[in-house]
Amino acid sequence: MSDLPSSEVAMIAKLLTPLRGFLPFRANFIDRGKTRAQALVDSSLVVESAVRRPTPGATLKHTITISVLCALFAFAAEAQQDDFEDSRVEFRIGSQSFTSFTTRVRLDSDTLNKGTEVTLEDDLAVDDKTGVARMDGVLRFGQRHAFAMSYYNITRTGTRNISREIHYGDSVFPINAAVTTDFDQEIVKAAYRFRFLDKNRGNLAGSAGLHVMTFSTSMRTLNGMTSEQRETTAPLPVIGLQGAYKLGGKWNLNGSVEWFDVTAGDVQGTFSDFIVAAEHQTLEHFAFGFALNRLALRFDSGDADLRGRLDIKFDAGLLYVKGNFGSTNR
């Protein structure tokens, strides 16, 4: 069996160089003059070592590592110059696992003025890790136009004896009170995409749409004496970029980033949502993939439904299956 072509070795080395300090092992196989079969065996052993020897808090790091290695594995195994092919209709269903949440909330009041800012995960023992189902879909109109949608719903709760007095909206929760806190976050995304760069092995599109987030939060004492609940819907106008690239064989790399920064009336806020995925087109109409998602939102609002501040950040991994049908006929 022939050695890996020097061009492939150089490409893999270039991709891995900035990751050497991040990977929990050394990917030395790219530095040796090994055959294709030997290189692929080494890469499989590297993945096995990453799974068997996790370190505390390294779940997301290992997910990133395995994602990168799987993409490189496919590139080294089948470095073909296949053209990128679009489907007219795509839908994917998956499990999104949130590995890190940071949620800061402050609910103000007309009577109590500025509320107490609390970190839900630290101060109120609200779940900082959870898993939910997620659905995404794309409908393309010709080669350049597409409509994309996403939906998922995150529900978290926690119970704790609080270590300080908390002003939450119109209610005061005394020190040492046993309280239960709920925080629900429903997300619906819709965007129009226009592809301005269209090459054989990849493409890049601009997008504009809405990221509609419905927040519901409540806090109540276990004895039922004190409770507070607020809910609001924030339709955030976002712009962004979306792209895809054929790595080789049946593997594709795709991703998107959306953001907004707005000051209007009583609302001031910033938002960003980034996702990158490696995907394998296993069958003609079926694929599987894994993705990494990072979202950050911060806004201050004088709105009567949710007066105060909301600051949310999360990291998540997504494992999904995808169905795709039809062709855009290049």
Protein backbone atom coordinates (compact mmCIF):
# COMPACT_ATOMS: atom_id res chain seq x y z
CA MET A 1 0.00 0.00 0.00
CA SER A 2 1.38 3.40 -0.95
CA ASP A 3 2.48 6.07 1.47
CA LEU A 4 0.30 9.07 2.22
CA PRO A 5 0.91 11.71 -0.45
CA SER A 6 3.08 14.51 0.82
CA SER A 7 0.36 17.06 0.05
CA GLU A 8 -2.08 15.26 2.38
CA VAL A 9 0.52 14.98 5.16
CA ALA A 10 1.28 18.68 4.85
CA MET A 11 -2.42 19.59 5.00
CA ILE A 12 -3.09 17.44 8.09
CA ALA A 13 0.02 18.79 9.82
CA LYS A 14 -1.07 22.34 9.08
CA LEU A 15 -4.53 21.70 10.53
CA LEU A 16 -3.21 20.05 13.69
CA THR A 17 -0.37 22.48 14.45
CA PRO A 18 -2.52 25.11 16.26
CA LEU A 19 -4.25 22.33 18.21
CA ARG A 20 -1.17 20.65 19.71
CA GLY A 21 -1.45 22.45 23.03
CA PHE A 22 -5.17 21.77 23.19
CA LEU A 23 -5.28 18.02 22.42
CA PRO A 24 -5.00 15.67 25.43
CA PHE A 25 -2.40 13.59 23.54
CA ARG A 26 0.23 14.00 20.82
CA ALA A 27 -0.79 13.34 17.22
CA ASN A 28 2.69 12.22 16.15
CA PHE A 29 1.51 9.97 13.35
CA ILE A 30 1.57 12.89 10.91
CA ASP A 31 5.29 13.35 11.48
CA ARG A 32 6.35 9.85 10.49
CA GLY A 33 6.78 8.37 7.05
CA LYS A 34 4.10 5.74 7.56
CA THR A 35 1.85 4.04 5.09
CA ARG A 36 -1.80 5.02 4.79
CA ALA A 37 -2.92 1.90 6.70
CA GLN A 38 -0.43 2.53 9.53
CA ALA A 39 -1.49 6.17 9.84
CA LEU A 40 -5.17 5.26 10.08
CA VAL A 41 -4.49 2.59 12.73
CA ASP A 42 -2.54 5.15 14.79
CA SER A 43 -5.37 7.67 14.51
CA SER A 44 -7.90 5.11 15.77
CA LEU A 45 -5.65 4.38 18.78
CA VAL A 46 -5.45 8.10 19.49
CA VAL A 47 -9.23 8.35 19.60
CA GLU A 48 -9.41 5.31 21.89
CA SER A 49 -6.93 6.87 24.32
CA ALA A 50 -8.96 10.08 24.44
CA VAL A 51 -12.10 8.16 25.39
CA ARG A 52 -10.50 5.86 27.97
CA ARG A 53 -8.54 8.42 29.92
CA PRO A 54 -10.85 11.43 30.42
CA THR A 55 -9.80 14.02 32.94
CA PRO A 56 -12.25 15.92 35.13
CA GLY A 57 -14.01 18.65 33.20
CA ALA A 58 -12.55 17.46 29.88
CA THR A 59 -15.77 16.20 28.25
CA LEU A 60 -16.10 19.13 25.85
CA LYS A 61 -12.36 19.07 25.07
CA HIS A 62 -12.57 15.41 24.11
CA THR A 63 -15.65 16.04 21.98
CA ILE A 64 -13.73 18.69 20.04
CA THR A 65 -10.72 16.39 19.76
CA ILE A 66 -12.67 13.44 18.41
CA SER A 67 -14.56 15.71 15.98
CA VAL A 68 -11.29 17.05 14.56
CA LEU A 69 -9.72 13.60 14.34
CA CYS A 70 -12.71 12.03 12.60
CA ALA A 71 -12.65 14.76 9.98
CA LEU A 72 -8.90 14.30 9.47
CA PHE A 73 -9.28 10.51 9.42
CA ALA A 74 -11.72 10.80 6.53
CA PHE A 75 -9.53 13.32 4.74
CA ALA A 76 -6.48 11.06 4.95
CA ALA A 77 -8.42 7.94 3.97
CA GLU A 78 -10.26 9.34 0.98
CA ALA A 79 -8.71 12.57 -0.27
CA GLN A 80 -10.91 12.71 -3.34
CA GLN A 81 -11.73 15.84 -5.29
CA ASP A 82 -15.49 15.25 -5.20
CA ASP A 83 -17.75 18.21 -5.84
CA PHE A 84 -19.99 19.51 -3.06
CA GLU A 85 -23.63 18.55 -3.60
CA ASP A 86 -26.67 20.33 -2.13
CA SER A 87 -30.03 18.83 -1.25
CA ARG A 88 -33.25 20.75 -1.75
CA VAL A 89 -34.68 19.64 1.61
CA GLU A 90 -32.70 18.80 4.76
CA PHE A 91 -33.89 18.03 8.26
CA ARG A 92 -31.97 16.83 11.27
CA ILE A 93 -32.97 15.57 14.70
CA GLY A 94 -30.50 15.23 17.51
CA SER A 95 -29.63 15.26 21.18
CA GLN A 96 -28.00 18.45 22.44
CA SER A 97 -25.95 18.04 25.63
CA PHE A 98 -25.14 21.24 27.50
CA THR A 99 -21.82 20.90 29.26
CA SER A 100 -21.54 24.37 30.77
CA PHE A 101 -24.16 26.97 31.72
CA THR A 102 -23.67 30.39 33.29
CA THR A 103 -26.92 32.29 33.90
CA ARG A 104 -27.02 35.61 35.72
CA VAL A 105 -30.42 37.17 36.40
CA ARG A 106 -31.55 40.39 38.05
CA LEU A 107 -35.27 41.15 38.31
CA ASP A 108 -36.05 44.77 39.18
CA SER A 109 -39.27 46.12 40.69
CA ASP A 110 -41.25 49.37 40.78
CA THR A 111 -41.58 49.04 44.56
CA LEU A 112 -38.24 47.45 45.54
CA ASN A 113 -36.18 49.17 42.82
CA LYS A 114 -33.09 47.25 41.64
CA GLY A 115 -33.17 43.55 42.42
CA THR A 116 -30.39 41.22 43.56
CA GLU A 117 -28.23 39.81 40.77
CA VAL A 118 -27.90 36.05 41.20
CA THR A 119 -25.98 33.37 39.35
CA LEU A 120 -28.55 30.61 39.07
CA GLU A 121 -26.06 27.73 38.98
CA ASP A 122 -23.97 28.92 41.97
CA ASP A 123 -26.46 30.76 44.18
CA LEU A 124 -29.58 28.65 43.57
CA ALA A 125 -28.21 25.22 42.51
CA VAL A 126 -29.97 25.34 39.13
CA ASP A 127 -28.72 22.61 36.78
CA ASP A 128 -25.54 23.60 34.95
CA LYS A 129 -25.64 20.52 32.71
CA THR A 130 -28.61 19.02 30.88
CA GLY A 131 -29.68 17.44 27.60
CA VAL A 132 -32.56 18.27 25.24
CA ALA A 133 -33.86 17.29 21.82
CA ARG A 134 -33.14 19.67 18.93
CA MET A 135 -34.61 19.95 15.42
CA ASP A 136 -33.18 21.82 12.43
CA GLY A 137 -34.33 22.12 8.83
CA VAL A 138 -33.32 23.78 5.54
CA LEU A 139 -35.39 24.38 2.40
CA ARG A 140 -33.45 25.58 -0.65
CA PHE A 141 -34.82 27.51 -3.61
CA GLY A 142 -32.38 27.04 -6.45
CA GLN A 143 -28.64 27.26 -5.87
CA ARG A 144 -28.42 30.52 -3.94
CA HIS A 145 -31.54 30.93 -1.80
CA ALA A 146 -32.53 28.98 1.32
CA PHE A 147 -34.77 29.18 4.39
CA ALA A 148 -33.53 27.64 7.67
CA MET A 149 -35.28 26.90 10.97
CA SER A 150 -34.30 25.45 14.36
CA TYR A 151 -36.13 24.61 17.58
CA TYR A 152 -35.17 23.44 21.07
CA ASN A 153 -36.42 23.95 24.62
CA ILE A 154 -34.27 23.97 27.77
CA THR A 155 -35.84 23.43 31.19
CA ARG A 156 -33.74 23.60 34.34
CA THR A 157 -34.49 23.64 38.06
CA GLY A 158 -32.72 23.72 41.42
CA THR A 159 -33.42 23.82 45.17
CA ARG A 160 -31.19 25.36 47.85
CA ASN A 161 -31.18 27.12 51.20
CA ILE A 162 -30.02 30.58 50.15
CA SER A 163 -27.07 32.17 51.94
CA ARG A 164 -28.22 35.79 51.59
CA GLU A 165 -31.39 37.84 51.24
CA ILE A 166 -32.54 37.99 47.63
CA HIS A 167 -34.80 40.62 46.06
CA TYR A 168 -36.35 38.87 43.04
CA GLY A 169 -38.85 41.09 41.26
CA ASP A 170 -41.53 42.18 43.74
CA SER A 171 -40.63 39.50 46.31
CA VAL A 172 -38.03 39.28 49.08
CA PHE A 173 -36.60 35.85 49.98
CA PRO A 174 -34.97 35.86 53.44
CA ILE A 175 -31.57 34.41 54.25
CA ASN A 176 -31.57 30.62 54.89
CA ALA A 177 -34.95 30.20 53.15
CA ALA A 178 -35.32 26.93 51.20
CA VAL A 179 -36.25 27.97 47.67
CA THR A 180 -36.87 26.20 44.36
CA THR A 181 -35.94 28.04 41.17
CA ASP A 182 -37.06 27.19 37.64
CA PHE A 183 -35.62 28.63 34.45
CA ASP A 184 -37.06 27.73 31.03
CA GLN A 185 -35.62 28.86 27.72
CA GLU A 186 -37.43 28.11 24.44
CA ILE A 187 -35.58 28.93 21.22
CA VAL A 188 -37.03 29.22 17.71
CA LYS A 189 -34.71 30.32 14.90
CA ALA A 190 -35.72 31.33 11.39
CA ALA A 191 -33.41 32.83 8.75
CA TYR A 192 -33.16 33.56 5.05
CA ARG A 193 -29.81 32.72 3.46
CA PHE A 194 -28.27 34.04 0.26
CA ARG A 195 -25.24 32.20 -1.08
CA PHE A 196 -22.72 34.69 -2.46
CA LEU A 197 -19.81 32.25 -2.86
CA ASP A 198 -20.38 28.92 -4.60
CA LYS A 199 -17.42 26.66 -5.39
CA ASN A 200 -17.12 22.99 -6.29
CA ARG A 201 -15.99 21.95 -2.80
CA GLY A 202 -17.71 24.56 -0.65
CA ASN A 203 -19.91 27.59 -0.29
CA LEU A 204 -20.54 30.63 1.87
CA ALA A 205 -23.83 32.45 2.50
CA GLY A 206 -25.03 35.52 4.33
CA SER A 207 -28.12 35.25 6.51
CA ALA A 208 -30.72 37.48 8.15
CA GLY A 209 -33.53 36.42 10.42
CA LEU A 210 -35.00 36.17 13.90
CA HIS A 211 -33.74 34.31 16.96
CA VAL A 212 -36.90 34.19 19.11
CA MET A 213 -36.17 33.34 22.74
CA THR A 214 -38.91 32.90 25.34
CA PHE A 215 -37.69 33.06 28.95
CA SER A 216 -39.68 31.96 31.99
CA THR A 217 -38.25 32.14 35.50
CA SER A 218 -39.80 31.50 38.88
CA MET A 219 -38.63 31.33 42.48
CA ARG A 220 -40.69 30.03 45.40
CA THR A 221 -40.11 28.99 48.99
CA LEU A 222 -40.81 25.35 49.83
CA ASN A 223 -43.41 26.41 52.43
CA GLY A 224 -45.30 28.35 49.73
CA MET A 225 -45.16 31.65 51.61
CA THR A 226 -43.27 33.61 48.95
CA SER A 227 -43.15 33.25 45.16
CA GLU A 228 -42.24 35.26 42.09
CA GLN A 229 -42.62 34.46 38.39
CA ARG A 230 -41.75 36.37 35.22
CA GLU A 231 -41.92 35.54 31.52
CA THR A 232 -40.94 37.41 28.38
CA THR A 233 -40.34 36.77 24.68
CA ALA A 234 -37.37 38.40 22.96
CA PRO A 235 -37.48 38.35 19.12
CA LEU A 236 -33.85 39.13 18.35
CA PRO A 237 -33.06 40.27 14.79
CA VAL A 238 -29.78 38.63 13.77
CA ILE A 239 -27.40 38.61 10.83
CA GLY A 240 -24.77 36.01 10.15
CA LEU A 241 -22.69 33.77 7.92
CA GLN A 242 -23.14 30.10 7.04
CA GLY A 243 -20.79 27.87 5.11
CA ALA A 244 -19.97 24.29 4.16
CA TYR A 245 -16.87 22.52 2.84
CA LYS A 246 -16.31 18.99 1.50
CA LEU A 247 -13.41 17.47 3.41
CA GLY A 248 -13.08 14.31 1.32
CA GLY A 249 -14.92 11.07 0.77
CA LYS A 250 -18.30 11.30 2.50
CA TRP A 251 -17.30 13.87 5.13
CA ASN A 252 -18.44 17.50 5.12
CA LEU A 253 -17.68 20.37 7.47
CA ASN A 254 -20.35 23.03 8.00
CA GLY A 255 -21.04 25.84 10.41
CA SER A 256 -22.68 29.18 11.06
CA VAL A 257 -22.37 32.25 13.23
CA GLU A 258 -25.14 34.74 14.06
CA TRP A 259 -24.99 37.93 16.09
CA PHE A 260 -26.65 41.22 16.98
CA ASP A 261 -25.80 44.30 19.02
CA VAL A 262 -28.66 46.69 19.59
CA THR A 263 -29.76 49.63 21.70
CA ALA A 264 -33.41 50.59 21.21
CA GLY A 265 -35.63 52.33 23.73
CA ASP A 266 -35.43 50.52 27.08
CA VAL A 267 -33.53 47.54 25.67
CA GLN A 268 -29.78 47.18 25.24
CA GLY A 269 -28.16 43.89 24.39
CA THR A 270 -25.63 41.73 22.57
CA PHE A 271 -26.00 38.20 21.24
CA SER A 272 -23.89 35.59 19.44
CA ASP A 273 -24.56 31.99 18.41
CA PHE A 274 -21.80 29.82 16.88
CA ILE A 275 -22.07 26.21 15.69
CA VAL A 276 -19.66 23.98 13.74
CA ALA A 277 -20.36 20.40 12.66
CA ALA A 278 -18.60 17.45 11.03
CA GLU A 279 -21.02 15.31 9.02
CA HIS A 280 -20.83 11.93 7.27
CA GLN A 281 -23.13 11.22 4.31
CA THR A 282 -23.49 7.53 5.16
CA LEU A 283 -26.26 6.78 2.65
CA GLU A 284 -27.75 8.67 -0.28
CA HIS A 285 -30.52 10.21 1.86
CA PHE A 286 -29.10 9.71 5.35
CA ALA A 287 -26.22 11.29 7.28
CA PHE A 288 -25.02 11.55 10.86
CA GLY A 289 -22.96 14.27 12.47
CA PHE A 290 -21.64 15.86 15.62
CA ALA A 291 -21.50 19.57 16.36
CA LEU A 292 -20.28 22.09 18.91
CA ASN A 293 -22.44 25.06 19.86
CA ARG A 294 -21.65 28.19 21.87
CA LEU A 295 -24.24 30.86 22.67
CA ALA A 296 -23.94 34.11 24.60
CA LEU A 297 -26.70 36.62 25.36
CA ARG A 298 -26.72 39.73 27.53
CA PHE A 299 -29.42 42.35 27.67
CA ASP A 300 -30.76 45.01 30.01
CA SER A 301 -34.46 45.71 29.74
CA GLY A 302 -36.90 48.22 31.14
CA ASP A 303 -39.83 46.23 29.77
CA ALA A 304 -42.66 45.59 32.26
CA ASP A 305 -42.59 41.82 31.59
CA LEU A 306 -38.92 41.44 32.48
CA ARG A 307 -37.36 44.55 33.98
CA GLY A 308 -33.74 43.96 34.85
CA ARG A 309 -30.78 42.08 33.40
CA LEU A 310 -30.29 38.67 31.82
CA ASP A 311 -26.86 37.22 31.00
CA ILE A 312 -26.65 33.68 29.57
CA LYS A 313 -23.72 31.66 28.23
CA PHE A 314 -23.59 27.99 27.34
CA ASP A 315 -21.46 25.40 25.57
CA ALA A 316 -23.06 22.30 24.10
CA GLY A 317 -22.33 19.22 22.01
CA LEU A 318 -24.85 17.90 19.49
CA LEU A 319 -25.13 14.39 18.04
CA TYR A 320 -27.68 14.13 15.22
CA VAL A 321 -29.03 12.22 12.24
CA LYS A 322 -30.02 13.98 9.02
CA GLY A 323 -32.30 13.24 6.11
CA ASN A 324 -31.80 14.98 2.78
CA PHE A 325 -33.85 14.82 -0.41
CA GLY A 326 -33.89 16.40 -3.87
CA SER A 327 -31.22 18.33 -5.71
CA THR A 328 -30.64 21.98 -6.48
CA ASN A 329 -29.26 21.11 -9.93
CA ARG A 330 -25.99 22.98 -10.18
